[in-house]
Protein backbone atom coordinates (compact mmCIF):
# COMPACT_ATOMS: atom_id res chain seq x y z
CA UNK A 1 106.47 124.78 12.87
CA UNK A 2 105.33 121.88 14.97
CA UNK A 3 101.95 120.23 14.72
CA UNK A 4 99.38 122.34 16.58
CA UNK A 5 98.60 121.41 20.17
CA UNK A 6 95.09 122.11 21.42
CA UNK A 7 94.90 123.52 24.93
CA UNK A 8 91.26 122.98 25.83
CA UNK A 9 91.18 125.14 28.93
CA UNK A 10 93.22 127.16 31.41
CA UNK A 11 94.32 123.96 33.18
CA UNK A 12 95.90 122.70 29.94
CA UNK A 13 97.70 126.02 29.45
CA UNK A 14 98.98 125.86 33.03
CA UNK A 15 100.10 122.25 32.51
CA UNK A 16 102.24 123.36 29.57
CA UNK A 17 103.88 125.98 31.79
CA UNK A 18 104.58 123.35 34.47
CA UNK A 19 106.13 121.04 31.85
CA UNK A 20 108.21 123.87 30.39
CA UNK A 21 109.76 124.97 33.72
CA UNK A 22 112.33 122.18 34.16
CA UNK A 23 113.25 122.36 30.47
CA UNK A 24 114.71 125.88 30.78
CA UNK A 25 118.43 126.53 30.63
CA UNK A 26 120.57 129.65 30.91
CA UNK A 27 120.38 131.58 27.66
CA UNK A 28 116.96 130.26 26.64
CA UNK A 29 114.37 132.59 25.20
CA UNK A 30 110.74 131.55 25.11
CA UNK A 31 108.76 133.84 22.82
CA UNK A 32 105.03 133.93 23.59
CA UNK A 33 103.03 135.28 20.69
CA UNK A 34 99.30 135.82 20.40
CA UNK A 35 96.56 138.34 21.02
CA UNK A 36 95.31 139.72 24.29
CA UNK A 37 93.78 137.16 26.60
CA UNK A 38 95.07 133.99 24.91
CA UNK A 39 97.00 132.75 27.95
CA UNK A 40 100.56 134.06 27.62
CA UNK A 41 100.67 135.33 31.20
CA UNK A 42 98.77 132.29 32.51
CA UNK A 43 101.39 129.99 30.97
CA UNK A 44 104.22 132.06 32.44
CA UNK A 45 102.65 132.19 35.91
CA UNK A 46 102.35 128.39 35.94
CA UNK A 47 105.99 128.08 34.84
CA UNK A 48 107.12 130.40 37.65
CA UNK A 49 105.01 128.55 40.22
CA UNK A 50 106.57 125.27 39.05
CA UNK A 51 109.97 126.87 39.65
CA UNK A 52 108.95 127.64 43.24
CA UNK A 53 107.60 131.19 43.13
CA UNK A 54 105.34 131.78 46.10
CA UNK A 55 102.29 133.91 45.31
CA UNK A 56 101.03 135.05 41.94
CA UNK A 57 103.49 136.68 39.58
CA UNK A 58 102.32 140.13 38.55
CA UNK A 59 101.82 140.88 34.89
CA UNK A 60 104.82 142.79 33.52
CA UNK A 61 102.62 145.00 31.34
CA UNK A 62 103.46 148.22 33.18
CA UNK A 63 106.85 147.32 34.65
CA UNK A 64 107.92 145.82 31.28
CA UNK A 65 110.19 143.24 33.00
CA UNK A 66 110.01 141.24 36.23
CA UNK A 67 113.21 139.39 37.09
CA UNK A 68 113.07 136.38 39.37
CA UNK A 69 116.42 135.39 40.86
CA UNK A 70 117.54 132.08 42.34
CA UNK A 71 116.04 132.00 45.81
CA UNK A 72 112.69 133.28 44.59
CA UNK A 73 112.67 130.49 42.01
CA UNK A 74 114.92 127.46 41.42
CA UNK A 75 116.22 128.90 38.15
CA UNK A 76 116.54 132.60 37.22
CA UNK A 77 113.79 133.74 34.84
CA UNK A 78 112.92 137.18 33.48
CA UNK A 79 109.34 137.74 32.33
CA UNK A 80 109.02 140.62 29.88
CA UNK A 81 106.02 142.20 28.20
CA UNK A 82 107.51 144.06 25.25
CA UNK A 83 104.24 145.51 23.98
CA UNK A 84 105.09 149.12 24.87
CA UNK A 85 108.59 149.02 23.39
CA UNK A 86 109.29 150.41 19.95
CA UNK A 87 111.71 147.73 18.82
CA UNK A 88 114.91 145.75 19.31
CA UNK A 89 117.02 148.70 20.46
CA UNK A 90 114.67 149.23 23.42
CA UNK A 91 115.06 145.56 24.35
CA UNK A 92 118.85 145.84 24.23
CA UNK A 93 118.70 148.89 26.50
CA UNK A 94 116.93 146.79 29.15
CA UNK A 95 120.11 144.72 29.55
CA UNK A 96 118.38 141.41 28.90
CA UNK A 97 121.42 140.12 27.01
CA UNK A 98 123.34 140.16 30.31
CA UNK A 99 120.45 138.37 32.02
CA UNK A 100 120.71 135.53 29.49
CA UNK A 101 124.23 134.75 30.77
CA UNK A 102 122.67 133.13 33.84
CA UNK A 103 118.93 132.91 33.27
CA UNK A 104 116.10 132.45 30.81
CA UNK A 105 113.79 135.01 29.26
CA UNK A 106 110.05 134.61 28.71
CA UNK A 107 109.00 137.34 26.28
CA UNK A 108 105.45 138.35 25.48
CA UNK A 109 105.05 140.38 22.24
CA UNK A 110 108.36 138.94 21.00
CA UNK A 111 108.25 140.67 17.62
CA UNK A 112 110.17 143.47 19.37
CA UNK A 113 113.11 141.17 20.18
CA UNK A 114 116.35 141.54 18.21
CA UNK A 115 116.15 139.42 15.06
CA UNK A 116 118.91 137.00 16.15
CA UNK A 117 117.02 136.38 19.41
CA UNK A 118 113.83 135.67 17.49
CA UNK A 119 115.61 132.91 15.54
CA UNK A 120 117.08 131.35 18.70
CA UNK A 121 113.82 131.45 20.66
CA UNK A 122 111.36 128.69 21.28
CA UNK A 123 108.48 130.52 19.62
CA UNK A 124 105.05 129.59 20.97
CA UNK A 125 102.05 131.11 19.26
CA UNK A 126 98.65 130.89 20.95
CA UNK A 127 95.46 131.48 18.99
CA UNK A 128 91.93 131.28 20.37
CA UNK A 129 89.75 128.78 18.54
CA UNK A 130 86.02 129.18 17.85
CA UNK A 131 85.14 127.00 20.83
CA UNK A 132 87.30 129.01 23.25
CA UNK A 133 90.23 126.60 23.37
CA UNK A 134 93.75 127.66 22.45
CA UNK A 135 95.71 126.31 19.51
CA UNK A 136 99.43 126.38 20.15
CA UNK A 137 102.01 126.10 17.40
CA UNK A 138 105.72 126.04 18.11
CA UNK A 139 108.72 127.08 16.09
CA UNK A 140 111.45 124.96 17.63
CA UNK A 141 115.07 126.09 17.22
CA UNK A 142 117.95 123.57 17.20
CA UNK A 143 118.74 124.13 20.90
CA UNK A 144 115.22 122.98 21.78
CA UNK A 145 114.78 120.03 19.38
CA UNK A 146 115.48 117.29 21.95
CA UNK A 147 113.70 119.05 24.79
CA UNK A 148 110.55 119.90 22.79
CA UNK A 149 110.30 116.38 21.38
CA UNK A 150 109.59 115.08 24.89
CA UNK A 151 106.39 117.13 24.98
């Protein structure tokens, strides 16, 4: 795990999403972990805006996955909320492995991802602090070492 990063407010969370956007590559998985209301969707919306999405990205809570293709954004990104899924087999049935051939996946509630995906993912955990800020810790896989170190 990396040293914790303190995100003092929503602007800091959004700034992380903006920084993360150009770092993404095909096959990347960004796992966003943390309780309700800690900023997972806020971070993802900022990332999608930085990639050129016009308008606010809807939360994928009910749709489970929103896929943004080149044209909508500069780089294909799928945003998934896996909360309502039972486990890895449900994720596989969504066909997200095929998506990773040409795009990246941002996954909220990533504990439902297949185990191999969990190990390959840039795992970002957000926890609310007593003063209302967010503490972010990252588990950085080898594919992200050089990219994350520029943070």
